[in-house]
Amino acid sequence: MKLNIPLSQVKIMEISRETKAAVRPALWGAAAGAIALAMVGFSWGGWMTGGAAETLATNRAATAVVAALTPICIDRFRQAADASANLVEMKKATYAWDQSKFVEKGGWATMPGSSEPNSAVAIACAESLGSKKAVELGG
């Protein structure tokens, strides 16, 4: 539907100078308030971007998986026929990385249903087995 109104009869709404003068500070204030709100929210309010939240969730999930699988690795290590000899051999390694590789090669960090060892589990397992707080292999 097309209206046939001559341009001479069309009235364009004009904003008065007073209205412009009153609205401009309000718009600047709203913009400044939005910026301040975002700054406070992201720095002190605990807000985060979607990417940061996803990264945090992924890290927490990986940590939980390692925490859940490490006792299985320790138990498998302790149930091995030559557990005492393996522990002595593992502790001969000077570096934690070498100890975790020993656990990986022994197959204790390879979980059921997996064909590859979980390196994060191997690190945690070797750390737990090598700690001074570790319980004797028999118990």
C-alpha atoms as a PDB file:
ATOM      1  CA  MET A   1       0.000   0.000   0.000  1.00  0.00           C
ATOM      2  CA  LYS A   2       1.483   3.272  -1.116  1.00  0.00           C
ATOM      3  CA  LEU A   3       0.388   6.625   0.254  1.00  0.00           C
ATOM      4  CA  ASN A   4       0.187   9.503  -2.143  1.00  0.00           C
ATOM      5  CA  ILE A   5       0.941  12.413   0.163  1.00  0.00           C
ATOM      6  CA  PRO A   6       2.756  15.378  -1.298  1.00  0.00           C
ATOM      7  CA  LEU A   7       6.035  16.262   0.425  1.00  0.00           C
ATOM      8  CA  SER A   8       4.743  19.735   1.197  1.00  0.00           C
ATOM      9  CA  GLN A   9       2.185  18.218   3.573  1.00  0.00           C
ATOM     10  CA  VAL A  10       4.613  15.878   5.346  1.00  0.00           C
ATOM     11  CA  LYS A  11       5.725  17.158   8.726  1.00  0.00           C
ATOM     12  CA  ILE A  12       9.067  15.966   9.987  1.00  0.00           C
ATOM     13  CA  MET A  13       9.342  15.761  13.727  1.00  0.00           C
ATOM     14  CA  GLU A  14      12.008  18.087  14.986  1.00  0.00           C
ATOM     15  CA  ILE A  15      13.673  17.892  18.348  1.00  0.00           C
ATOM     16  CA  SER A  16      14.047  21.190  20.083  1.00  0.00           C
ATOM     17  CA  ARG A  17      17.393  22.485  21.294  1.00  0.00           C
ATOM     18  CA  GLU A  18      16.216  22.246  24.874  1.00  0.00           C
ATOM     19  CA  THR A  19      15.367  18.576  24.465  1.00  0.00           C
ATOM     20  CA  LYS A  20      18.722  17.882  22.830  1.00  0.00           C
ATOM     21  CA  ALA A  21      20.499  19.721  25.627  1.00  0.00           C
ATOM     22  CA  ALA A  22      18.638  17.689  28.253  1.00  0.00           C
ATOM     23  CA  VAL A  23      19.059  14.289  26.567  1.00  0.00           C
ATOM     24  CA  ARG A  24      22.765  14.494  25.697  1.00  0.00           C
ATOM     25  CA  PRO A  25      24.077  14.356  29.321  1.00  0.00           C
ATOM     26  CA  ALA A  26      21.691  11.503  30.084  1.00  0.00           C
ATOM     27  CA  LEU A  27      23.044   9.477  27.149  1.00  0.00           C
ATOM     28  CA  TRP A  28      26.648  10.165  28.168  1.00  0.00           C
ATOM     29  CA  GLY A  29      25.800   9.137  31.732  1.00  0.00           C
ATOM     30  CA  ALA A  30      24.185   5.916  30.547  1.00  0.00           C
ATOM     31  CA  ALA A  31      27.230   5.082  28.417  1.00  0.00           C
ATOM     32  CA  ALA A  32      29.633   5.830  31.281  1.00  0.00           C
ATOM     33  CA  GLY A  33      27.485   3.786  33.658  1.00  0.00           C
ATOM     34  CA  ALA A  34      27.486   0.810  31.301  1.00  0.00           C
ATOM     35  CA  ILE A  35      31.269   0.947  30.988  1.00  0.00           C
ATOM     36  CA  ALA A  36      31.720   1.267  34.761  1.00  0.00           C
ATOM     37  CA  LEU A  37      29.306  -1.611  35.361  1.00  0.00           C
ATOM     38  CA  ALA A  38      31.224  -3.851  32.954  1.00  0.00           C
ATOM     39  CA  MET A  39      34.568  -2.931  34.531  1.00  0.00           C
ATOM     40  CA  VAL A  40      33.347  -3.623  38.064  1.00  0.00           C
ATOM     41  CA  GLY A  41      31.532  -6.802  37.034  1.00  0.00           C
ATOM     42  CA  PHE A  42      34.489  -8.352  35.220  1.00  0.00           C
ATOM     43  CA  SER A  43      37.138  -7.309  37.740  1.00  0.00           C
ATOM     44  CA  TRP A  44      35.401  -7.739  41.114  1.00  0.00           C
ATOM     45  CA  GLY A  45      31.999  -9.219  40.391  1.00  0.00           C
ATOM     46  CA  GLY A  46      33.175 -12.603  39.158  1.00  0.00           C
ATOM     47  CA  TRP A  47      31.835 -12.180  35.636  1.00  0.00           C
ATOM     48  CA  MET A  48      33.692 -13.972  32.859  1.00  0.00           C
ATOM     49  CA  THR A  49      33.444 -14.457  29.153  1.00  0.00           C
ATOM     50  CA  GLY A  50      32.022 -17.625  27.676  1.00  0.00           C
ATOM     51  CA  GLY A  51      35.476 -18.724  26.543  1.00  0.00           C
ATOM     52  CA  ALA A  52      36.954 -18.233  30.005  1.00  0.00           C
ATOM     53  CA  ALA A  53      34.083 -20.168  31.569  1.00  0.00           C
ATOM     54  CA  GLU A  54      34.574 -23.025  29.119  1.00  0.00           C
ATOM     55  CA  THR A  55      38.317 -23.135  29.826  1.00  0.00           C
ATOM     56  CA  LEU A  56      37.657 -23.167  33.568  1.00  0.00           C
ATOM     57  CA  ALA A  57      35.102 -25.961  33.213  1.00  0.00           C
ATOM     58  CA  THR A  58      37.460 -28.024  31.051  1.00  0.00           C
ATOM     59  CA  ASN A  59      40.303 -27.633  33.549  1.00  0.00           C
ATOM     60  CA  ARG A  60      38.093 -28.573  36.475  1.00  0.00           C
ATOM     61  CA  ALA A  61      36.772 -31.622  34.627  1.00  0.00           C
ATOM     62  CA  ALA A  62      40.306 -32.775  33.776  1.00  0.00           C
ATOM     63  CA  THR A  63      41.352 -32.319  37.408  1.00  0.00           C
ATOM     64  CA  ALA A  64      38.355 -34.337  38.572  1.00  0.00           C
ATOM     65  CA  VAL A  65      39.151 -37.150  36.125  1.00  0.00           C
ATOM     66  CA  VAL A  66      42.751 -37.319  37.352  1.00  0.00           C
ATOM     67  CA  ALA A  67      41.576 -37.292  40.977  1.00  0.00           C
ATOM     68  CA  ALA A  68      39.171 -40.149  40.246  1.00  0.00           C
ATOM     69  CA  LEU A  69      41.627 -42.291  38.257  1.00  0.00           C
ATOM     70  CA  THR A  70      44.759 -41.843  40.385  1.00  0.00           C
ATOM     71  CA  PRO A  71      43.607 -44.269  43.122  1.00  0.00           C
ATOM     72  CA  ILE A  72      42.992 -46.894  40.420  1.00  0.00           C
ATOM     73  CA  CYS A  73      46.546 -46.431  39.147  1.00  0.00           C
ATOM     74  CA  ILE A  74      47.953 -46.682  42.678  1.00  0.00           C
ATOM     75  CA  ASP A  75      45.931 -49.813  43.361  1.00  0.00           C
ATOM     76  CA  ARG A  76      47.041 -51.444  40.100  1.00  0.00           C
ATOM     77  CA  PHE A  77      50.661 -50.592  40.936  1.00  0.00           C
ATOM     78  CA  ARG A  78      50.327 -52.088  44.418  1.00  0.00           C
ATOM     79  CA  GLN A  79      48.576 -55.229  43.125  1.00  0.00           C
ATOM     80  CA  ALA A  80      51.419 -56.032  40.720  1.00  0.00           C
ATOM     81  CA  ALA A  81      53.424 -59.132  41.617  1.00  0.00           C
ATOM     82  CA  ASP A  82      56.682 -57.205  41.927  1.00  0.00           C
ATOM     83  CA  ALA A  83      55.261 -54.022  43.465  1.00  0.00           C
ATOM     84  CA  SER A  84      58.051 -53.531  46.014  1.00  0.00           C
ATOM     85  CA  ALA A  85      60.757 -53.894  43.376  1.00  0.00           C
ATOM     86  CA  ASN A  86      58.845 -51.568  41.044  1.00  0.00           C
ATOM     87  CA  LEU A  87      58.586 -48.936  43.773  1.00  0.00           C
ATOM     88  CA  VAL A  88      62.324 -49.112  44.435  1.00  0.00           C
ATOM     89  CA  GLU A  89      63.000 -48.890  40.693  1.00  0.00           C
ATOM     90  CA  MET A  90      60.618 -45.940  40.283  1.00  0.00           C
ATOM     91  CA  LYS A  91      62.210 -44.067  43.193  1.00  0.00           C
ATOM     92  CA  LYS A  92      65.642 -44.470  41.562  1.00  0.00           C
ATOM     93  CA  ALA A  93      64.490 -41.984  38.936  1.00  0.00           C
ATOM     94  CA  THR A  94      65.695 -38.530  39.929  1.00  0.00           C
ATOM     95  CA  TYR A  95      63.038 -36.501  38.166  1.00  0.00           C
ATOM     96  CA  ALA A  96      59.272 -36.662  38.554  1.00  0.00           C
ATOM     97  CA  TRP A  97      58.946 -36.840  34.765  1.00  0.00           C
ATOM     98  CA  ASP A  98      61.035 -40.035  34.697  1.00  0.00           C
ATOM     99  CA  GLN A  99      58.950 -41.529  37.503  1.00  0.00           C
ATOM    100  CA  SER A 100      55.719 -40.806  35.628  1.00  0.00           C
ATOM    101  CA  LYS A 101      57.186 -42.367  32.465  1.00  0.00           C
ATOM    102  CA  PHE A 102      58.024 -45.476  34.528  1.00  0.00           C
ATOM    103  CA  VAL A 103      54.380 -45.668  35.647  1.00  0.00           C
ATOM    104  CA  GLU A 104      53.199 -45.206  32.051  1.00  0.00           C
ATOM    105  CA  LYS A 105      55.538 -47.927  30.742  1.00  0.00           C
ATOM    106  CA  GLY A 106      54.388 -50.289  33.485  1.00  0.00           C
ATOM    107  CA  GLY A 107      50.825 -49.949  32.205  1.00  0.00           C
ATOM    108  CA  TRP A 108      49.397 -48.820  35.542  1.00  0.00           C
ATOM    109  CA  ALA A 109      48.212 -45.483  34.106  1.00  0.00           C
ATOM    110  CA  THR A 110      46.423 -47.175  31.197  1.00  0.00           C
ATOM    111  CA  MET A 111      42.827 -47.345  32.279  1.00  0.00           C
ATOM    112  CA  PRO A 112      40.443 -50.173  31.349  1.00  0.00           C
ATOM    113  CA  GLY A 113      38.942 -49.515  27.931  1.00  0.00           C
ATOM    114  CA  SER A 114      41.879 -47.357  26.874  1.00  0.00           C
ATOM    115  CA  SER A 115      44.889 -48.334  24.809  1.00  0.00           C
ATOM    116  CA  GLU A 116      47.084 -45.397  25.821  1.00  0.00           C
ATOM    117  CA  PRO A 117      48.283 -44.347  29.269  1.00  0.00           C
ATOM    118  CA  ASN A 118      46.891 -41.155  30.757  1.00  0.00           C
ATOM    119  CA  SER A 119      49.972 -38.997  31.369  1.00  0.00           C
ATOM    120  CA  ALA A 120      48.248 -36.751  33.927  1.00  0.00           C
ATOM    121  CA  VAL A 121      47.182 -39.824  35.904  1.00  0.00           C
ATOM    122  CA  ALA A 122      50.725 -41.225  35.642  1.00  0.00           C
ATOM    123  CA  ILE A 123      52.151 -38.003  37.075  1.00  0.00           C
ATOM    124  CA  ALA A 124      49.705 -37.990  39.981  1.00  0.00           C
ATOM    125  CA  CYS A 125      50.174 -41.718  40.554  1.00  0.00           C
ATOM    126  CA  ALA A 126      53.980 -41.483  40.635  1.00  0.00           C
ATOM    127  CA  GLU A 127      53.779 -38.458  42.913  1.00  0.00           C
ATOM    128  CA  SER A 128      51.496 -40.301  45.324  1.00  0.00           C
ATOM    129  CA  LEU A 129      53.577 -43.479  45.283  1.00  0.00           C
ATOM    130  CA  GLY A 130      56.800 -41.561  45.773  1.00  0.00           C
ATOM    131  CA  SER A 131      55.575 -39.320  48.574  1.00  0.00           C
ATOM    132  CA  LYS A 132      56.703 -39.783  52.149  1.00  0.00           C
ATOM    133  CA  LYS A 133      53.056 -40.004  53.168  1.00  0.00           C
ATOM    134  CA  ALA A 134      52.490 -43.052  50.962  1.00  0.00           C
ATOM    135  CA  VAL A 135      51.265 -46.086  52.847  1.00  0.00           C
ATOM    136  CA  GLU A 136      53.365 -49.230  52.621  1.00  0.00           C
ATOM    137  CA  LEU A 137      52.640 -51.357  49.571  1.00  0.00           C
ATOM    138  CA  GLY A 138      51.039 -54.113  51.572  1.00  0.00           C
ATOM    139  CA  GLY A 139      48.334 -51.873  53.075  1.00  0.00           C
END
